[in-house]
C-alpha atoms as a PDB file:
ATOM      1  CA  MET A   1      -4.247 -27.813  37.418  1.00  0.00           C
ATOM      2  CA  ALA A   2      -2.315 -25.325  35.162  1.00  0.00           C
ATOM      3  CA  THR A   3      -4.130 -23.167  32.474  1.00  0.00           C
ATOM      4  CA  ASN A   4      -2.466 -21.974  29.335  1.00  0.00           C
ATOM      5  CA  LEU A   5      -3.112 -18.291  29.830  1.00  0.00           C
ATOM      6  CA  PRO A   6      -1.358 -15.617  27.651  1.00  0.00           C
ATOM      7  CA  THR A   7       1.465 -13.801  28.989  1.00  0.00           C
ATOM      8  CA  VAL A   8       1.002  -9.912  29.250  1.00  0.00           C
ATOM      9  CA  ILE A   9       4.080  -7.744  29.485  1.00  0.00           C
ATOM     10  CA  ARG A  10       3.500  -4.248  30.597  1.00  0.00           C
ATOM     11  CA  ARG A  11       5.909  -1.421  29.817  1.00  0.00           C
ATOM     12  CA  THR A  12       5.748   2.265  30.253  1.00  0.00           C
ATOM     13  CA  PRO A  13       6.028   4.437  27.163  1.00  0.00           C
ATOM     14  CA  GLU A  14       9.619   5.447  28.683  1.00  0.00           C
ATOM     15  CA  GLN A  15      10.550   1.783  28.714  1.00  0.00           C
ATOM     16  CA  LEU A  16       9.492   1.276  25.071  1.00  0.00           C
ATOM     17  CA  ARG A  17      11.442   4.543  23.973  1.00  0.00           C
ATOM     18  CA  GLU A  18      14.359   3.018  25.866  1.00  0.00           C
ATOM     19  CA  GLN A  19      13.856  -0.386  24.027  1.00  0.00           C
ATOM     20  CA  ARG A  20      13.749   1.131  20.857  1.00  0.00           C
ATOM     21  CA  CYS A  21      17.022   3.012  21.310  1.00  0.00           C
ATOM     22  CA  GLY A  22      18.562  -0.026  22.490  1.00  0.00           C
ATOM     23  CA  LEU A  23      17.478  -2.086  19.579  1.00  0.00           C
ATOM     24  CA  LEU A  24      18.800   0.707  17.074  1.00  0.00           C
ATOM     25  CA  ALA A  25      22.206   0.403  18.953  1.00  0.00           C
ATOM     26  CA  ALA A  26      22.340  -3.162  18.874  1.00  0.00           C
ATOM     27  CA  VAL A  27      22.223  -2.975  14.770  1.00  0.00           C
ATOM     28  CA  GLY A  28      24.259   0.047  14.745  1.00  0.00           C
ATOM     29  CA  MET A  29      21.751   2.277  12.697  1.00  0.00           C
ATOM     30  CA  ASP A  30      19.669   5.277  13.252  1.00  0.00           C
ATOM     31  CA  TRP A  31      16.015   4.842  12.347  1.00  0.00           C
ATOM     32  CA  GLU A  32      16.346   6.306   8.993  1.00  0.00           C
ATOM     33  CA  ASN A  33      19.109   4.149   7.954  1.00  0.00           C
ATOM     34  CA  LEU A  34      17.245   1.172   9.160  1.00  0.00           C
ATOM     35  CA  GLN A  35      14.154   2.238   7.212  1.00  0.00           C
ATOM     36  CA  GLU A  36      16.051   2.821   3.873  1.00  0.00           C
ATOM     37  CA  ARG A  37      17.425  -0.770   4.039  1.00  0.00           C
ATOM     38  CA  ALA A  38      14.244  -2.174   4.829  1.00  0.00           C
ATOM     39  CA  GLU A  39      12.532  -0.519   1.806  1.00  0.00           C
ATOM     40  CA  SER A  40      15.453  -1.876  -0.338  1.00  0.00           C
ATOM     41  CA  TYR A  41      15.031  -5.488   1.047  1.00  0.00           C
ATOM     42  CA  SER A  42      18.723  -5.403   2.359  1.00  0.00           C
ATOM     43  CA  LEU A  43      18.359  -6.254   5.908  1.00  0.00           C
ATOM     44  CA  SER A  44      19.839  -9.275   7.471  1.00  0.00           C
ATOM     45  CA  PRO A  45      17.520 -11.544   9.349  1.00  0.00           C
ATOM     46  CA  ALA A  46      18.524 -10.120  12.941  1.00  0.00           C
ATOM     47  CA  GLU A  47      18.034  -6.599  11.427  1.00  0.00           C
ATOM     48  CA  LEU A  48      14.781  -7.444  10.114  1.00  0.00           C
ATOM     49  CA  GLU A  49      13.469  -8.722  13.419  1.00  0.00           C
ATOM     50  CA  VAL A  50      14.832  -5.507  14.998  1.00  0.00           C
ATOM     51  CA  TRP A  51      12.709  -3.626  12.159  1.00  0.00           C
ATOM     52  CA  HIS A  52       9.422  -5.470  13.083  1.00  0.00           C
ATOM     53  CA  THR A  53       9.987  -4.979  16.649  1.00  0.00           C
ATOM     54  CA  ILE A  54      10.375  -1.060  16.409  1.00  0.00           C
ATOM     55  CA  ARG A  55       7.390  -1.147  14.083  1.00  0.00           C
ATOM     56  CA  GLY A  56       5.408  -2.603  16.861  1.00  0.00           C
ATOM     57  CA  ILE A  57       6.783  -0.325  19.458  1.00  0.00           C
ATOM     58  CA  ASP A  58       5.975   2.749  17.301  1.00  0.00           C
ATOM     59  CA  TYR A  59       2.368   1.541  17.022  1.00  0.00           C
ATOM     60  CA  LEU A  60       2.165   0.939  20.843  1.00  0.00           C
ATOM     61  CA  LEU A  61       3.657   4.615  21.181  1.00  0.00           C
ATOM     62  CA  THR A  62       1.466   6.303  18.586  1.00  0.00           C
ATOM     63  CA  GLY A  63      -1.696   4.254  17.833  1.00  0.00           C
ATOM     64  CA  GLU A  64      -0.827   4.576  14.142  1.00  0.00           C
ATOM     65  CA  VAL A  65      -0.619   1.394  12.044  1.00  0.00           C
ATOM     66  CA  PRO A  66       3.014   1.808  10.362  1.00  0.00           C
ATOM     67  CA  MET A  67       3.498   1.841   6.618  1.00  0.00           C
ATOM     68  CA  PRO A  68       4.810  -1.390   5.225  1.00  0.00           C
END
């Protein structure tokens, strides 16, 4: 009998940093540029997804709630 248990993905801080760098490279921006574009609501849907993912990674790395 199968149960619906949540999936847990475990990553080291180094793996999270590598993922963060890879996401920025995928959209061809550095963090500052991505942040500026997010603040002016000028991100594409794919870039917005990267923005939210990086904010989640930053939370996991620092424990600080990211500013909107």
